[in-house]
Protein backbone atom coordinates (compact mmCIF):
# COMPACT_ATOMS: atom_id res chain seq x y z
CA UNK A 1 -5.88 -13.25 9.13
CA UNK A 2 -4.74 -11.58 5.96
CA UNK A 3 -2.13 -13.53 4.03
CA UNK A 4 0.03 -11.84 1.40
CA UNK A 5 2.20 -13.81 -1.02
CA UNK A 6 4.71 -12.16 -3.36
CA UNK A 7 5.97 -13.68 -6.58
CA UNK A 8 7.81 -12.69 -9.74
CA UNK A 9 11.29 -12.01 -8.40
CA UNK A 10 14.40 -13.24 -10.13
CA UNK A 11 17.87 -12.59 -11.49
CA UNK A 12 18.34 -10.33 -14.50
CA UNK A 13 20.70 -7.84 -16.12
CA UNK A 14 20.64 -4.09 -15.68
CA UNK A 15 18.14 -2.42 -17.98
CA UNK A 16 15.73 -5.32 -17.83
CA UNK A 17 12.20 -5.51 -16.47
CA UNK A 18 10.28 -7.57 -13.93
CA UNK A 19 6.70 -7.59 -12.74
CA UNK A 20 6.14 -8.48 -9.11
CA UNK A 21 2.76 -9.75 -7.93
CA UNK A 22 1.20 -9.81 -4.47
CA UNK A 23 -1.81 -12.05 -3.91
CA UNK A 24 -4.09 -11.41 -0.93
CA UNK A 25 -6.11 -14.12 0.78
CA UNK A 26 -9.06 -11.96 1.82
CA UNK A 27 -11.46 -9.78 -0.13
CA UNK A 28 -11.05 -7.07 2.55
CA UNK A 29 -7.77 -6.39 0.74
CA UNK A 30 -9.81 -4.06 -1.46
CA UNK A 31 -10.34 -1.66 1.47
CA UNK A 32 -6.64 -1.24 2.26
CA UNK A 33 -3.86 0.87 0.90
CA UNK A 34 -1.13 -1.43 -0.38
CA UNK A 35 2.58 -0.73 -0.36
CA UNK A 36 5.83 -2.18 -1.64
CA UNK A 37 9.02 -2.03 0.42
CA UNK A 38 12.47 -3.43 -0.18
CA UNK A 39 15.46 -4.39 1.92
CA UNK A 40 19.00 -4.82 0.64
CA UNK A 41 21.64 -6.76 2.61
CA UNK A 42 22.86 -4.71 5.56
CA UNK A 43 20.30 -1.97 4.91
CA UNK A 44 17.09 -0.87 6.57
CA UNK A 45 13.81 -1.68 4.91
CA UNK A 46 12.81 1.22 2.67
CA UNK A 47 9.63 2.45 1.05
CA UNK A 48 9.20 1.89 -2.67
CA UNK A 49 5.59 2.67 -3.61
CA UNK A 50 2.04 2.78 -2.26
CA UNK A 51 -1.42 2.76 -3.83
CA UNK A 52 -4.71 3.85 -2.24
CA UNK A 53 -7.61 1.47 -1.69
CA UNK A 54 -9.32 2.87 -4.79
CA UNK A 55 -6.20 2.81 -6.92
CA UNK A 56 -6.63 6.52 -7.53
CA UNK A 57 -3.60 7.77 -5.58
CA UNK A 58 -0.03 6.55 -5.85
CA UNK A 59 3.28 7.66 -4.36
CA UNK A 60 6.80 6.55 -5.23
CA UNK A 61 10.22 6.83 -3.72
CA UNK A 62 12.38 9.25 -5.69
CA UNK A 63 14.81 6.45 -6.47
CA UNK A 64 12.21 4.52 -8.49
CA UNK A 65 9.99 7.30 -9.83
CA UNK A 66 9.59 7.05 -13.58
CA UNK A 67 10.82 3.45 -13.66
CA UNK A 68 8.39 1.55 -11.40
CA UNK A 69 4.59 1.46 -11.56
CA UNK A 70 2.29 0.18 -8.82
CA UNK A 71 -1.20 -1.04 -9.69
CA UNK A 72 -3.96 -3.19 -8.27
CA UNK A 73 -6.77 -5.43 -9.47
CA UNK A 74 -9.54 -5.81 -6.91
CA UNK A 75 -11.21 -8.57 -8.92
CA UNK A 76 -8.06 -10.68 -8.55
CA UNK A 77 -7.18 -9.61 -4.98
CA UNK A 78 -3.79 -8.59 -6.27
CA UNK A 79 -1.33 -5.71 -6.34
CA UNK A 80 1.54 -5.41 -8.81
CA UNK A 81 4.86 -3.64 -9.16
CA UNK A 82 6.09 -3.23 -12.72
CA UNK A 83 9.82 -2.54 -12.62
CA UNK A 84 11.55 -1.22 -15.74
CA UNK A 85 15.09 -0.03 -16.44
CA UNK A 86 16.36 -1.98 -13.46
CA UNK A 87 19.67 -1.02 -11.88
CA UNK A 88 22.05 -3.00 -9.65
CA UNK A 89 21.03 -0.76 -6.74
CA UNK A 90 17.49 -2.14 -7.07
CA UNK A 91 18.77 -5.48 -5.79
CA UNK A 92 16.82 -6.34 -2.63
CA UNK A 93 14.12 -8.49 -1.13
CA UNK A 94 10.81 -6.90 -2.06
CA UNK A 95 7.88 -7.02 0.35
CA UNK A 96 4.18 -6.41 -0.15
CA UNK A 97 2.36 -4.79 2.78
CA UNK A 98 -1.19 -3.74 3.69
CA UNK A 99 -2.21 -0.57 5.56
CA UNK A 100 -5.65 -1.15 7.09
CA UNK A 101 -6.04 2.55 7.93
CA UNK A 102 -5.29 3.72 4.40
CA UNK A 103 -2.66 6.19 5.60
CA UNK A 104 -0.57 5.96 2.42
CA UNK A 105 2.49 6.20 4.64
CA UNK A 106 6.15 5.67 3.84
CA UNK A 107 7.06 4.12 7.20
CA UNK A 108 6.97 0.36 7.61
CA UNK A 109 5.43 0.77 11.09
CA UNK A 110 2.27 2.06 9.40
CA UNK A 111 1.57 -1.28 7.73
CA UNK A 112 -0.25 -4.14 9.42
CA UNK A 113 0.25 -7.20 7.20
CA UNK A 114 3.36 -8.33 5.35
CA UNK A 115 4.26 -10.93 2.79
CA UNK A 116 7.31 -13.17 3.00
CA UNK A 117 9.27 -11.26 0.37
CA UNK A 118 10.65 -12.09 -3.05
CA UNK A 119 14.28 -11.67 -4.13
CA UNK A 120 15.21 -9.36 -7.00
CA UNK A 121 18.85 -9.42 -8.12
CA UNK A 122 20.10 -7.09 -10.86
CA UNK A 123 23.56 -7.66 -12.34
CA UNK A 124 25.66 -4.97 -14.00
């Protein structure tokens, strides 16, 4: 089965930047839309960004638009989330997810494979 492993999380001050990585175990990764979600303590998991299988289409949550950038590298079986101008409200566990039907959806039920998550903590 598809395995997704996130990395790059950490603790930093507001205004800083982090780059999250998601490594996929299978080359079929290149056929799937890939999304990033996040979940803060006591909150529901929420959509952050998604990228089409080709990399040609991206969508972002309004809360991160202009600050975060999603990208992918098919040669490396990887998807990335560049996070700039981080705010305390960005604090959450960030999850990488694969949509095998390429729906580019914002609902977590539309994704079939999930990573274990990586913690991002932003201090004020």
